[in-house]
């Protein structure tokens, strides 16, 4: 959708680490720390590829693999501003009554998206409203 509608669509990622996933919060903090070095998407993709075996060691391995400055990354992992950002996003998700992830919102309304076609139809419907 971003490629097809580059002027009309904007992607905003919010983290909502579910409590039943043992490493979800640490993974979210690590992705935010990687973002400070401009490597959010690289880190994000590696996290999902390795989600079954995530650990502190695996996070460090991923950080090294994608070329992060490890000293900076480790400082950022414990940065209170990153923790605060994650806590705000968790609060926002709870206020929006998110029960699972991923959750897709368009113009403030949650969409039920089961396929790429559902997503595209939602975008088309919203764009029609703006005309």
Protein backbone atom coordinates (compact mmCIF):
# COMPACT_ATOMS: atom_id res chain seq x y z
CA UNK A 1 0.00 0.00 0.00
CA UNK A 2 2.90 2.34 0.69
CA UNK A 3 4.26 1.80 -2.81
CA UNK A 4 0.87 2.03 -4.48
CA UNK A 5 -0.30 5.12 -2.57
CA UNK A 6 2.89 6.89 -1.46
CA UNK A 7 1.24 10.29 -0.97
CA UNK A 8 -1.92 9.01 0.69
CA UNK A 9 -0.77 6.24 3.03
CA UNK A 10 1.50 6.45 6.03
CA UNK A 11 2.63 3.51 8.14
CA UNK A 12 2.96 3.99 11.88
CA UNK A 13 4.32 1.13 13.97
CA UNK A 14 3.34 0.92 17.62
CA UNK A 15 4.64 -1.77 19.92
CA UNK A 16 2.36 -3.86 22.08
CA UNK A 17 4.37 -6.71 23.55
CA UNK A 18 1.84 -9.22 24.77
CA UNK A 19 2.46 -10.47 28.31
CA UNK A 20 2.10 -14.13 27.34
CA UNK A 21 5.19 -13.86 25.12
CA UNK A 22 8.14 -14.19 27.45
CA UNK A 23 10.60 -12.15 25.37
CA UNK A 24 8.21 -9.71 23.65
CA UNK A 25 8.98 -6.68 25.82
CA UNK A 26 12.75 -7.11 25.51
CA UNK A 27 12.38 -7.57 21.74
CA UNK A 28 10.35 -4.35 21.48
CA UNK A 29 12.96 -2.43 23.49
CA UNK A 30 15.71 -3.87 21.28
CA UNK A 31 13.89 -2.83 18.09
CA UNK A 32 13.49 0.70 19.48
CA UNK A 33 17.18 0.76 20.42
CA UNK A 34 18.11 -0.40 16.89
CA UNK A 35 15.94 2.39 15.53
CA UNK A 36 18.21 4.95 17.17
CA UNK A 37 20.89 3.74 14.73
CA UNK A 38 18.52 3.71 11.76
CA UNK A 39 18.23 -0.08 11.71
CA UNK A 40 14.67 -0.65 12.94
CA UNK A 41 13.48 -2.65 9.92
CA UNK A 42 16.63 -4.75 9.69
CA UNK A 43 16.30 -5.61 13.37
CA UNK A 44 12.53 -6.12 13.15
CA UNK A 45 12.86 -8.62 10.31
CA UNK A 46 15.57 -10.58 12.14
CA UNK A 47 13.46 -10.66 15.32
CA UNK A 48 10.54 -12.20 13.48
CA UNK A 49 12.77 -14.66 11.65
CA UNK A 50 14.18 -15.78 15.00
CA UNK A 51 11.15 -15.35 17.23
CA UNK A 52 11.07 -18.95 18.42
CA UNK A 53 14.61 -18.75 19.81
CA UNK A 54 14.83 -15.23 21.17
CA UNK A 55 17.12 -14.65 24.13
CA UNK A 56 19.45 -11.95 25.36
CA UNK A 57 22.28 -13.68 23.47
CA UNK A 58 20.23 -13.86 20.26
CA UNK A 59 19.40 -10.14 20.48
CA UNK A 60 23.10 -9.34 20.80
CA UNK A 61 23.88 -11.66 17.89
CA UNK A 62 21.27 -9.92 15.71
CA UNK A 63 22.59 -6.50 16.67
CA UNK A 64 26.09 -7.54 15.65
CA UNK A 65 24.84 -9.23 12.48
CA UNK A 66 23.13 -6.07 11.19
CA UNK A 67 26.11 -3.90 12.03
CA UNK A 68 24.92 -1.97 15.07
CA UNK A 69 27.40 -0.20 17.31
CA UNK A 70 27.01 -2.64 20.21
CA UNK A 71 28.11 -0.20 22.93
CA UNK A 72 25.51 2.32 21.78
CA UNK A 73 22.87 -0.38 21.33
CA UNK A 74 23.37 -1.68 24.87
CA UNK A 75 23.22 1.82 26.33
CA UNK A 76 20.01 2.45 24.37
CA UNK A 77 18.49 -0.80 25.63
CA UNK A 78 18.47 0.66 29.13
CA UNK A 79 17.63 4.24 28.08
CA UNK A 80 14.70 5.51 30.20
CA UNK A 81 13.35 7.41 27.17
CA UNK A 82 13.02 4.19 25.18
CA UNK A 83 11.34 2.46 28.12
CA UNK A 84 8.98 5.44 28.47
CA UNK A 85 8.11 5.33 24.76
CA UNK A 86 7.30 1.63 25.00
CA UNK A 87 5.16 2.18 28.09
CA UNK A 88 3.22 4.94 26.28
CA UNK A 89 2.60 2.63 23.33
CA UNK A 90 1.41 -0.15 25.64
CA UNK A 91 -0.98 2.30 27.32
CA UNK A 92 -2.28 3.45 23.92
CA UNK A 93 -2.87 -0.15 22.85
CA UNK A 94 -4.79 -0.90 26.04
CA UNK A 95 -6.87 2.26 25.60
CA UNK A 96 -7.66 1.16 22.04
CA UNK A 97 -8.73 -2.24 23.44
CA UNK A 98 -6.16 -4.16 21.38
CA UNK A 99 -6.40 -7.83 22.21
CA UNK A 100 -3.88 -9.26 19.76
CA UNK A 101 -1.24 -8.28 17.28
CA UNK A 102 -0.87 -7.25 14.61
CA UNK A 103 -3.75 -4.78 14.80
CA UNK A 104 -4.41 -2.45 11.90
CA UNK A 105 -5.99 0.96 12.27
CA UNK A 106 -6.94 3.29 9.49
CA UNK A 107 -7.90 6.87 10.28
CA UNK A 108 -8.52 5.91 13.90
CA UNK A 109 -10.70 2.88 13.23
CA UNK A 110 -9.56 -0.68 13.70
CA UNK A 111 -9.81 -2.84 10.57
CA UNK A 112 -10.26 -6.56 10.42
CA UNK A 113 -7.47 -7.47 8.02
CA UNK A 114 -7.10 -11.09 7.05
CA UNK A 115 -5.42 -10.56 3.69
CA UNK A 116 -3.62 -8.04 1.52
CA UNK A 117 -6.90 -7.60 -0.37
CA UNK A 118 -8.69 -6.63 2.86
CA UNK A 119 -6.04 -4.02 3.53
CA UNK A 120 -6.18 -2.62 0.01
CA UNK A 121 -9.97 -2.44 0.10
CA UNK A 122 -9.79 -0.55 3.39
CA UNK A 123 -7.36 1.95 1.87
CA UNK A 124 -9.53 2.38 -1.22
CA UNK A 125 -12.63 2.93 0.92
CA UNK A 126 -10.87 5.58 3.01
CA UNK A 127 -9.50 7.34 -0.08
CA UNK A 128 -13.00 7.48 -1.59
CA UNK A 129 -14.25 9.26 1.55
CA UNK A 130 -11.68 12.01 1.04
CA UNK A 131 -12.86 12.86 -2.50
